[in-house]
C-alpha atoms as a PDB file:
ATOM      1  CA  MET A   1       7.227 150.238 -70.703  1.00  0.00           C
ATOM      2  CA  THR A   2       8.609 146.717 -70.322  1.00  0.00           C
ATOM      3  CA  ARG A   3      10.031 144.868 -73.316  1.00  0.00           C
ATOM      4  CA  THR A   4       7.099 142.458 -73.232  1.00  0.00           C
ATOM      5  CA  ALA A   5       4.607 145.320 -73.283  1.00  0.00           C
ATOM      6  CA  PHE A   6       6.550 146.963 -76.092  1.00  0.00           C
ATOM      7  CA  ASP A   7       6.513 143.773 -78.184  1.00  0.00           C
ATOM      8  CA  GLN A   8       2.787 143.400 -77.605  1.00  0.00           C
ATOM      9  CA  GLN A   9       2.138 146.961 -78.710  1.00  0.00           C
ATOM     10  CA  LEU A  10       4.353 146.522 -81.757  1.00  0.00           C
ATOM     11  CA  GLU A  11       2.444 143.392 -82.708  1.00  0.00           C
ATOM     12  CA  PHE A  12      -0.841 145.218 -82.150  1.00  0.00           C
ATOM     13  CA  ILE A  13      -0.051 148.038 -84.584  1.00  0.00           C
ATOM     14  CA  GLN A  14       0.959 145.491 -87.212  1.00  0.00           C
ATOM     15  CA  GLN A  15      -2.383 143.750 -86.763  1.00  0.00           C
ATOM     16  CA  GLU A  16      -4.117 147.109 -87.078  1.00  0.00           C
ATOM     17  CA  MET A  17      -2.263 147.691 -90.329  1.00  0.00           C
ATOM     18  CA  LEU A  18      -3.470 144.333 -91.641  1.00  0.00           C
ATOM     19  CA  ALA A  19      -7.016 145.257 -90.613  1.00  0.00           C
ATOM     20  CA  LEU A  20      -6.651 148.482 -92.592  1.00  0.00           C
ATOM     21  CA  ALA A  21      -5.520 146.447 -95.588  1.00  0.00           C
ATOM     22  CA  MET A  22      -8.690 144.351 -95.393  1.00  0.00           C
ATOM     23  CA  GLN A  23     -10.793 147.516 -95.361  1.00  0.00           C
ATOM     24  CA  VAL A  24      -9.019 148.784 -98.451  1.00  0.00           C
ATOM     25  CA  GLU A  25      -9.182 145.476-100.325  1.00  0.00           C
ATOM     26  CA  ARG A  26     -12.936 145.369 -99.666  1.00  0.00           C
ATOM     27  CA  ALA A  27     -13.271 148.962-100.890  1.00  0.00           C
ATOM     28  CA  VAL A  28     -11.550 148.107-104.177  1.00  0.00           C
ATOM     29  CA  GLU A  29     -13.767 145.069-104.662  1.00  0.00           C
ATOM     30  CA  ARG A  30     -16.949 146.984-103.872  1.00  0.00           C
ATOM     31  CA  SER A  31     -16.045 149.957-106.056  1.00  0.00           C
ATOM     32  CA  MET A  32     -15.581 147.659-109.030  1.00  0.00           C
ATOM     33  CA  THR A  33     -18.878 145.903-108.306  1.00  0.00           C
ATOM     34  CA  ALA A  34     -20.583 149.298-108.120  1.00  0.00           C
ATOM     35  CA  LEU A  35     -19.125 150.209-111.499  1.00  0.00           C
ATOM     36  CA  THR A  36     -19.745 146.989-113.388  1.00  0.00           C
ATOM     37  CA  GLU A  37     -23.172 146.219-111.909  1.00  0.00           C
ATOM     38  CA  GLY A  38     -24.442 149.776-111.614  1.00  0.00           C
ATOM     39  CA  ASP A  39     -24.915 149.458-107.853  1.00  0.00           C
ATOM     40  CA  MET A  40     -25.179 153.081-106.763  1.00  0.00           C
ATOM     41  CA  ALA A  41     -25.932 152.222-103.122  1.00  0.00           C
ATOM     42  CA  LEU A  42     -22.654 150.325-102.984  1.00  0.00           C
ATOM     43  CA  ALA A  43     -20.824 153.233-104.628  1.00  0.00           C
ATOM     44  CA  HIS A  44     -22.146 155.582-101.940  1.00  0.00           C
ATOM     45  CA  GLN A  45     -21.077 153.072 -99.271  1.00  0.00           C
ATOM     46  CA  VAL A  46     -17.500 152.975-100.580  1.00  0.00           C
ATOM     47  CA  ILE A  47     -17.324 156.768-100.541  1.00  0.00           C
ATOM     48  CA  GLU A  48     -18.771 156.945 -97.029  1.00  0.00           C
ATOM     49  CA  ASP A  49     -16.437 154.236 -95.714  1.00  0.00           C
ATOM     50  CA  ASP A  50     -13.351 156.073 -96.987  1.00  0.00           C
ATOM     51  CA  ALA A  51     -13.530 158.242 -93.869  1.00  0.00           C
ATOM     52  CA  LYS A  52     -13.102 155.072 -91.781  1.00  0.00           C
ATOM     53  CA  VAL A  53     -10.014 154.150 -93.804  1.00  0.00           C
ATOM     54  CA  ASN A  54      -8.551 157.596 -93.177  1.00  0.00           C
ATOM     55  CA  GLU A  55      -9.347 157.360 -89.478  1.00  0.00           C
ATOM     56  CA  LYS A  56      -7.686 153.968 -89.175  1.00  0.00           C
ATOM     57  CA  ARG A  57      -4.541 155.258 -90.887  1.00  0.00           C
ATOM     58  CA  TYR A  58      -4.262 158.182 -88.462  1.00  0.00           C
ATOM     59  CA  GLU A  59      -4.824 155.880 -85.489  1.00  0.00           C
ATOM     60  CA  ILE A  60      -1.959 153.679 -86.656  1.00  0.00           C
ATOM     61  CA  GLU A  61       0.332 156.678 -87.131  1.00  0.00           C
ATOM     62  CA  GLU A  62      -0.483 157.957 -83.648  1.00  0.00           C
ATOM     63  CA  LYS A  63       0.217 154.572 -82.056  1.00  0.00           C
ATOM     64  CA  CYS A  64       3.524 154.301 -83.924  1.00  0.00           C
ATOM     65  CA  LEU A  65       4.680 157.709 -82.741  1.00  0.00           C
ATOM     66  CA  GLU A  66       3.596 156.973 -79.167  1.00  0.00           C
ATOM     67  CA  LEU A  67       5.581 153.743 -79.252  1.00  0.00           C
ATOM     68  CA  ILE A  68       8.723 155.569 -80.353  1.00  0.00           C
ATOM     69  CA  ALA A  69       8.242 158.219 -77.684  1.00  0.00           C
ATOM     70  CA  ARG A  70       7.748 155.779 -74.816  1.00  0.00           C
ATOM     71  CA  GLN A  71      10.778 153.589 -75.427  1.00  0.00           C
ATOM     72  CA  GLN A  72      13.985 153.757 -77.401  1.00  0.00           C
ATOM     73  CA  PRO A  73      13.391 150.994 -79.942  1.00  0.00           C
ATOM     74  CA  LEU A  74      16.128 148.761 -81.295  1.00  0.00           C
ATOM     75  CA  ALA A  75      17.125 149.165 -84.945  1.00  0.00           C
ATOM     76  CA  ILE A  76      14.870 146.320 -86.130  1.00  0.00           C
ATOM     77  CA  ASP A  77      12.001 147.757 -84.097  1.00  0.00           C
ATOM     78  CA  LEU A  78      12.471 151.158 -85.690  1.00  0.00           C
ATOM     79  CA  ARG A  79      12.445 149.568 -89.130  1.00  0.00           C
ATOM     80  CA  THR A  80       9.221 147.787 -88.283  1.00  0.00           C
ATOM     81  CA  ILE A  81       7.581 150.975 -87.049  1.00  0.00           C
ATOM     82  CA  ALA A  82       8.825 152.970 -90.037  1.00  0.00           C
ATOM     83  CA  SER A  83       7.562 150.275 -92.408  1.00  0.00           C
ATOM     84  CA  VAL A  84       4.131 150.208 -90.789  1.00  0.00           C
ATOM     85  CA  LEU A  85       3.924 154.008 -91.035  1.00  0.00           C
ATOM     86  CA  HIS A  86       4.756 153.990 -94.745  1.00  0.00           C
ATOM     87  CA  ILE A  87       2.494 151.050 -95.552  1.00  0.00           C
ATOM     88  CA  ALA A  88      -0.436 152.652 -93.736  1.00  0.00           C
ATOM     89  CA  VAL A  89      -0.035 155.731 -95.924  1.00  0.00           C
ATOM     90  CA  ASP A  90       0.042 153.632 -99.098  1.00  0.00           C
ATOM     91  CA  LEU A  91      -3.034 151.697 -97.992  1.00  0.00           C
ATOM     92  CA  GLU A  92      -4.911 154.911 -97.288  1.00  0.00           C
ATOM     93  CA  ARG A  93      -3.998 156.170-100.763  1.00  0.00           C
ATOM     94  CA  MET A  94      -5.303 152.908-102.248  1.00  0.00           C
ATOM     95  CA  GLY A  95      -8.534 153.607-100.420  1.00  0.00           C
ATOM     96  CA  ASP A  96      -8.633 156.995-102.139  1.00  0.00           C
ATOM     97  CA  HIS A  97      -8.246 155.248-105.497  1.00  0.00           C
ATOM     98  CA  ALA A  98     -11.148 152.925-104.643  1.00  0.00           C
ATOM     99  CA  GLU A  99     -13.232 155.941-103.690  1.00  0.00           C
ATOM    100  CA  GLY A 100     -12.335 157.497-107.066  1.00  0.00           C
ATOM    101  CA  ILE A 101     -13.668 154.436-108.875  1.00  0.00           C
ATOM    102  CA  ALA A 102     -16.890 154.610-106.849  1.00  0.00           C
ATOM    103  CA  ARG A 103     -17.313 158.255-107.826  1.00  0.00           C
ATOM    104  CA  VAL A 104     -16.889 157.318-111.493  1.00  0.00           C
ATOM    105  CA  ALA A 105     -19.614 154.701-111.021  1.00  0.00           C
ATOM    106  CA  LEU A 106     -21.922 157.471-109.832  1.00  0.00           C
ATOM    107  CA  MET A 107     -20.998 159.679-112.786  1.00  0.00           C
ATOM    108  CA  MET A 108     -21.863 156.889-115.222  1.00  0.00           C
ATOM    109  CA  LYS A 109     -25.039 155.660-113.531  1.00  0.00           C
ATOM    110  CA  ASP A 110     -27.368 156.850-116.305  1.00  0.00           C
ATOM    111  CA  GLU A 111     -25.083 155.928-119.199  1.00  0.00           C
ATOM    112  CA  PRO A 112     -25.095 152.682-121.189  1.00  0.00           C
ATOM    113  CA  PRO A 113     -21.884 150.608-121.018  1.00  0.00           C
ATOM    114  CA  LEU A 114     -19.269 151.971-123.384  1.00  0.00           C
ATOM    115  CA  MET A 115     -17.209 148.804-123.632  1.00  0.00           C
ATOM    116  CA  SER A 116     -16.607 145.501-121.943  1.00  0.00           C
ATOM    117  CA  TYR A 117     -15.325 145.887-118.422  1.00  0.00           C
ATOM    118  CA  ALA A 118     -13.160 142.777-118.801  1.00  0.00           C
ATOM    119  CA  GLY A 119      -9.885 144.728-118.981  1.00  0.00           C
ATOM    120  CA  VAL A 120     -10.432 146.846-115.884  1.00  0.00           C
ATOM    121  CA  GLN A 121     -11.896 143.877-114.014  1.00  0.00           C
ATOM    122  CA  ARG A 122      -8.747 141.908-114.736  1.00  0.00           C
ATOM    123  CA  MET A 123      -6.631 144.846-113.576  1.00  0.00           C
ATOM    124  CA  ALA A 124      -8.611 144.963-110.334  1.00  0.00           C
ATOM    125  CA  GLU A 125      -8.267 141.218-109.769  1.00  0.00           C
ATOM    126  CA  ILE A 126      -4.492 141.320-110.170  1.00  0.00           C
ATOM    127  CA  ALA A 127      -4.121 144.460-108.051  1.00  0.00           C
ATOM    128  CA  ARG A 128      -6.200 142.974-105.228  1.00  0.00           C
ATOM    129  CA  ARG A 129      -4.250 139.713-105.362  1.00  0.00           C
ATOM    130  CA  MET A 130      -0.991 141.641-105.287  1.00  0.00           C
ATOM    131  CA  MET A 131      -2.173 143.648-102.292  1.00  0.00           C
ATOM    132  CA  LEU A 132      -3.116 140.600-100.252  1.00  0.00           C
ATOM    133  CA  SER A 133       0.083 138.779-101.222  1.00  0.00           C
ATOM    134  CA  SER A 134       2.228 141.772-100.302  1.00  0.00           C
ATOM    135  CA  LEU A 135       0.744 141.869 -96.810  1.00  0.00           C
ATOM    136  CA  GLU A 136       1.344 138.135 -96.428  1.00  0.00           C
ATOM    137  CA  ALA A 137       4.958 138.696 -97.475  1.00  0.00           C
ATOM    138  CA  PHE A 138       5.278 141.455 -94.887  1.00  0.00           C
ATOM    139  CA  LYS A 139       3.736 139.306 -92.163  1.00  0.00           C
ATOM    140  CA  ASP A 140       6.048 136.388 -93.017  1.00  0.00           C
ATOM    141  CA  ARG A 141       9.082 138.652 -93.619  1.00  0.00           C
ATOM    142  CA  ASP A 142       9.387 136.929 -97.008  1.00  0.00           C
ATOM    143  CA  THR A 143      11.612 139.097 -99.205  1.00  0.00           C
ATOM    144  CA  ALA A 144      11.685 136.602-102.095  1.00  0.00           C
ATOM    145  CA  ARG A 145       7.919 136.714-102.308  1.00  0.00           C
ATOM    146  CA  ALA A 146       7.904 140.493-101.988  1.00  0.00           C
ATOM    147  CA  ARG A 147      10.244 140.798-104.958  1.00  0.00           C
ATOM    148  CA  SER A 148       8.234 138.344-107.076  1.00  0.00           C
ATOM    149  CA  ILE A 149       4.975 140.203-106.435  1.00  0.00           C
ATOM    150  CA  CYS A 150       6.415 143.301-108.084  1.00  0.00           C
ATOM    151  CA  ASP A 151       6.769 141.403-111.352  1.00  0.00           C
ATOM    152  CA  GLU A 152       2.968 141.205-111.524  1.00  0.00           C
ATOM    153  CA  ASP A 153       2.830 144.983-111.798  1.00  0.00           C
ATOM    154  CA  ASP A 154       3.928 144.575-115.418  1.00  0.00           C
ATOM    155  CA  GLN A 155       0.700 142.674-116.103  1.00  0.00           C
ATOM    156  CA  VAL A 156      -1.328 145.568-114.737  1.00  0.00           C
ATOM    157  CA  ASP A 157       0.695 148.057-116.794  1.00  0.00           C
ATOM    158  CA  ALA A 158       0.111 146.012-119.952  1.00  0.00           C
ATOM    159  CA  LEU A 159      -3.621 145.834-119.289  1.00  0.00           C
ATOM    160  CA  TYR A 160      -3.714 149.546-118.601  1.00  0.00           C
ATOM    161  CA  ASP A 161      -2.144 150.248-121.984  1.00  0.00           C
ATOM    162  CA  GLU A 162      -4.649 147.956-123.700  1.00  0.00           C
ATOM    163  CA  VAL A 163      -7.624 149.615-122.015  1.00  0.00           C
ATOM    164  CA  TYR A 164      -6.271 153.105-122.637  1.00  0.00           C
ATOM    165  CA  HIS A 165      -5.708 152.499-126.330  1.00  0.00           C
ATOM    166  CA  GLU A 166      -9.127 150.891-126.756  1.00  0.00           C
ATOM    167  CA  LEU A 167     -10.725 153.921-125.145  1.00  0.00           C
ATOM    168  CA  LEU A 168      -8.626 156.257-127.259  1.00  0.00           C
ATOM    169  CA  VAL A 169      -9.918 154.567-130.412  1.00  0.00           C
ATOM    170  CA  LEU A 170     -13.510 154.943-129.200  1.00  0.00           C
ATOM    171  CA  MET A 171     -12.977 158.650-128.510  1.00  0.00           C
ATOM    172  CA  THR A 172     -11.402 159.170-131.922  1.00  0.00           C
ATOM    173  CA  GLU A 173     -14.189 157.365-133.747  1.00  0.00           C
ATOM    174  CA  ASP A 174     -17.053 159.067-131.927  1.00  0.00           C
ATOM    175  CA  PRO A 175     -16.574 162.357-130.030  1.00  0.00           C
ATOM    176  CA  LYS A 176     -19.871 161.711-128.221  1.00  0.00           C
ATOM    177  CA  LYS A 177     -18.101 158.946-126.316  1.00  0.00           C
ATOM    178  CA  ILE A 178     -15.283 161.139-125.052  1.00  0.00           C
ATOM    179  CA  GLU A 179     -16.804 161.873-121.646  1.00  0.00           C
ATOM    180  CA  ARG A 180     -17.618 158.255-120.824  1.00  0.00           C
ATOM    181  CA  ALA A 181     -14.278 157.068-122.151  1.00  0.00           C
ATOM    182  CA  THR A 182     -12.470 159.647-120.067  1.00  0.00           C
ATOM    183  CA  HIS A 183     -14.249 158.400-116.951  1.00  0.00           C
ATOM    184  CA  LEU A 184     -13.118 154.854-117.692  1.00  0.00           C
ATOM    185  CA  THR A 185      -9.530 155.980-118.173  1.00  0.00           C
ATOM    186  CA  TRP A 186      -9.761 157.347-114.628  1.00  0.00           C
ATOM    187  CA  VAL A 187     -10.834 153.908-113.425  1.00  0.00           C
ATOM    188  CA  ALA A 188      -7.934 152.231-115.212  1.00  0.00           C
ATOM    189  CA  HIS A 189      -5.508 154.824-113.853  1.00  0.00           C
ATOM    190  CA  ASN A 190      -6.725 154.309-110.289  1.00  0.00           C
ATOM    191  CA  LEU A 191      -6.214 150.558-110.609  1.00  0.00           C
ATOM    192  CA  GLU A 192      -2.750 151.028-112.092  1.00  0.00           C
ATOM    193  CA  ARG A 193      -1.830 153.269-109.166  1.00  0.00           C
ATOM    194  CA  ILE A 194      -3.090 150.705-106.658  1.00  0.00           C
ATOM    195  CA  ALA A 195      -0.719 148.121-108.148  1.00  0.00           C
ATOM    196  CA  ASP A 196       2.128 150.647-108.014  1.00  0.00           C
ATOM    197  CA  ARG A 197       1.490 151.255-104.338  1.00  0.00           C
ATOM    198  CA  VAL A 198       1.579 147.524-103.677  1.00  0.00           C
ATOM    199  CA  THR A 199       5.176 147.539-104.872  1.00  0.00           C
ATOM    200  CA  ASN A 200       5.880 150.182-102.209  1.00  0.00           C
ATOM    201  CA  ILE A 201       4.680 147.699 -99.592  1.00  0.00           C
ATOM    202  CA  CYS A 202       7.022 145.087-101.040  1.00  0.00           C
ATOM    203  CA  GLU A 203       9.912 147.536-100.872  1.00  0.00           C
ATOM    204  CA  ARG A 204       9.156 148.127 -97.189  1.00  0.00           C
ATOM    205  CA  THR A 205       9.267 144.387 -96.546  1.00  0.00           C
ATOM    206  CA  VAL A 206      12.725 144.209 -98.082  1.00  0.00           C
ATOM    207  CA  TYR A 207      13.779 147.244 -96.026  1.00  0.00           C
ATOM    208  CA  LEU A 208      12.416 145.700 -92.853  1.00  0.00           C
ATOM    209  CA  VAL A 209      14.309 142.424 -93.292  1.00  0.00           C
ATOM    210  CA  GLU A 210      17.489 143.580 -95.018  1.00  0.00           C
ATOM    211  CA  GLY A 211      17.806 147.123 -93.723  1.00  0.00           C
ATOM    212  CA  LYS A 212      18.147 148.716 -97.149  1.00  0.00           C
ATOM    213  CA  ILE A 213      15.884 150.644 -99.474  1.00  0.00           C
ATOM    214  CA  GLU A 214      15.653 148.885-102.825  1.00  0.00           C
ATOM    215  CA  GLU A 215      13.552 150.112-105.724  1.00  0.00           C
ATOM    216  CA  LEU A 216      11.499 147.149-106.915  1.00  0.00           C
ATOM    217  CA  ASN A 217       8.970 148.973-109.050  1.00  0.00           C
ATOM    218  CA  VAL A 218      11.068 149.054-112.218  1.00  0.00           C
ATOM    219  CA  SER A 219       8.766 148.121-115.075  1.00  0.00           C
ATOM    220  CA  LYS A 220      10.002 145.526-117.531  1.00  0.00           C
ATOM    221  CA  TYR A 221       7.030 146.093-119.768  1.00  0.00           C
END
């Protein structure tokens, strides 16, 4: 494989990774819409589409491994490939979290709303914004932006605590609400995990540019 062909293939797998990110971001958005608007058809769609997310991840992994096998990459190339591999895994896991929210929507389809969805909606908004920003930082090789994105994870953690404690109060006051409240804690947990995985993407951007692994997901909250 010529260097030009190698560079083209390396660029291609990065574009595929960004395409995967768009699939996942859409899944998170749709799962929250399914939950808050009671759209069961959309919930089923998110669950069905998770197989496509998984397939895309495995395609990316296969292309990365083929690229390593065909040519001895330079150090920066290896870091790029390794970063894409790790990010694809994190994105696929985010897709699993979106699927989990869609499944909760199905569980709660016949139940009246237990509480305002404002807290979890805000968590989802921040997590989605973080995800898109982290991929922009990766694409631009912007380590300063990658580090700053991780600070937003504290906002998600704070919202998670607020939602969790509100649900805990509801469960304590009325045991009949325990099942529904438990389902909503799952939603909040899935969103909190999505934000955590975004920080992994940011760490890979720093690794790619600076050649060192740096833990950025250290909560200040």
